[in-house]
Amino acid sequence: MPRSNKSKYTDKQKRQAEHIEAGYRRRGMSDEEAGRRAWATVNKIYGGGKKPGGSGYGKPVNRYPIRKGGKKGGAASASRPAAQRSAAAKKAARTRLKKRGLKTRKSWRGR
């Protein structure tokens, strides 16, 4: 069976890989690298495809990779001073408004 064959993966595993891949693409990663990392994460969780004949069949699910991202982000944020976190949040809010074509929060509320 070729390496790219996903026939032994369940529909749930395929959906999870799609969602993980979309998250990586939102952060600016190339499609190829995002897909590679998404399937690596799914394999880390399940140990392979869960259907009979797949290497993950009958293995327990490892939830650590799912929780890892949130823990890493939280720890990084907590180590920064409150003023720096606040400034970053304000900058992010301005950027989101700018991308929507708005200038202030007041103009956003009127929509």
Protein backbone atom coordinates (compact mmCIF):
# COMPACT_ATOMS: atom_id res chain seq x y z
CA MET A 1 0.00 0.00 0.00
CA PRO A 2 1.48 3.42 -0.95
CA ARG A 3 2.35 5.87 1.82
CA SER A 4 -0.29 8.41 0.79
CA ASN A 5 -3.16 5.89 0.94
CA LYS A 6 -5.66 6.95 3.63
CA SER A 7 -8.12 4.04 3.22
CA LYS A 8 -7.46 2.68 6.74
CA TYR A 9 -8.34 5.99 8.40
CA THR A 10 -11.87 6.57 9.70
CA ASP A 11 -14.01 9.50 8.56
CA LYS A 12 -13.45 11.12 11.97
CA GLN A 13 -9.68 10.91 11.55
CA LYS A 14 -9.92 12.46 8.07
CA ARG A 15 -12.11 15.31 9.40
CA GLN A 16 -9.68 15.95 12.26
CA ALA A 17 -6.77 16.13 9.82
CA GLU A 18 -8.71 18.64 7.68
CA HIS A 19 -9.40 20.88 10.71
CA ILE A 20 -5.80 20.71 11.92
CA GLU A 21 -4.57 21.49 8.40
CA ALA A 22 -6.89 24.50 8.16
CA GLY A 23 -5.47 25.83 11.44
CA TYR A 24 -1.92 25.57 10.16
CA ARG A 25 -2.88 27.30 6.88
CA ARG A 26 -4.52 30.17 8.81
CA ARG A 27 -1.16 30.69 10.51
CA GLY A 28 0.54 31.11 7.14
CA MET A 29 1.99 27.65 6.50
CA SER A 30 2.15 26.21 2.98
CA ASP A 31 -0.54 23.69 1.96
CA GLU A 32 1.99 20.88 1.66
CA GLU A 33 3.58 21.46 5.08
CA ALA A 34 0.17 21.99 6.74
CA GLY A 35 -1.10 18.66 5.38
CA ARG A 36 2.06 16.85 6.42
CA ARG A 37 1.85 18.20 9.98
CA ALA A 38 -1.89 17.53 10.23
CA TRP A 39 -1.49 13.85 9.36
CA ALA A 40 1.52 13.58 11.68
CA THR A 41 -0.67 14.89 14.50
CA VAL A 42 -3.50 12.45 13.70
CA ASN A 43 -0.96 9.60 13.62
CA LYS A 44 0.44 10.72 16.98
CA ILE A 45 -3.08 10.68 18.47
CA TYR A 46 -4.27 7.34 17.07
CA GLY A 47 -1.06 5.51 16.14
CA GLY A 48 -2.31 5.12 12.56
CA GLY A 49 -5.59 4.23 10.85
CA LYS A 50 -8.29 2.88 13.20
CA LYS A 51 -9.96 0.60 10.63
CA PRO A 52 -9.03 -3.13 10.64
CA GLY A 53 -5.67 -3.55 8.96
CA GLY A 54 -4.46 -0.09 10.01
CA SER A 55 -1.56 0.22 12.43
CA GLY A 56 -3.72 2.09 14.97
CA TYR A 57 -6.47 -0.55 15.09
CA GLY A 58 -7.08 -1.60 18.70
CA LYS A 59 -4.63 0.90 20.18
CA PRO A 60 -5.71 3.37 22.87
CA VAL A 61 -6.10 7.03 21.90
CA ASN A 62 -3.35 9.40 23.08
CA ARG A 63 -5.00 12.77 23.91
CA TYR A 64 -1.74 14.59 24.69
CA PRO A 65 -1.13 16.07 21.19
CA ILE A 66 -4.65 17.56 21.21
CA ARG A 67 -4.07 19.39 24.50
CA LYS A 68 -0.45 20.30 23.79
CA GLY A 69 -1.18 23.35 21.60
CA GLY A 70 -3.34 25.09 24.19
CA LYS A 71 -0.85 24.45 26.96
CA LYS A 72 2.06 25.79 24.90
CA GLY A 73 0.17 28.97 23.96
CA GLY A 74 -1.03 29.56 27.51
CA ALA A 75 2.43 29.17 29.02
CA ALA A 76 3.98 31.54 26.48
CA SER A 77 1.34 34.17 27.14
CA ALA A 78 1.54 33.87 30.93
CA SER A 79 5.29 34.49 30.94
CA ARG A 80 4.84 37.97 29.37
CA PRO A 81 4.01 41.11 31.41
CA ALA A 82 0.37 42.22 31.53
CA ALA A 83 1.11 45.47 29.67
CA GLN A 84 2.70 43.56 26.79
CA ARG A 85 -0.26 41.13 26.59
CA SER A 86 -2.69 44.05 26.60
CA ALA A 87 -0.80 45.88 23.85
CA ALA A 88 -0.76 42.72 21.72
CA ALA A 89 -4.52 42.25 22.21
CA LYS A 90 -5.25 45.85 21.20
CA LYS A 91 -3.05 45.52 18.12
CA ALA A 92 -4.83 42.29 17.14
CA ALA A 93 -8.22 43.97 17.52
CA ARG A 94 -7.12 46.89 15.31
CA THR A 95 -5.83 44.46 12.69
CA ARG A 96 -9.12 42.51 12.65
CA LEU A 97 -11.10 45.73 12.22
CA LYS A 98 -8.76 46.91 9.46
CA LYS A 99 -9.16 43.62 7.59
CA ARG A 100 -12.94 44.08 7.72
CA GLY A 101 -12.60 47.58 6.33
CA LEU A 102 -13.60 49.29 9.58
CA LYS A 103 -11.77 52.03 11.45
CA THR A 104 -13.18 51.84 14.99
CA ARG A 105 -15.23 49.55 17.21
CA LYS A 106 -18.11 52.03 17.06
CA SER A 107 -18.39 51.60 13.30
CA TRP A 108 -18.40 47.82 13.85
CA ARG A 109 -21.26 47.99 16.38
CA GLY A 110 -23.46 49.88 13.96
CA ARG A 111 -23.54 46.98 11.49
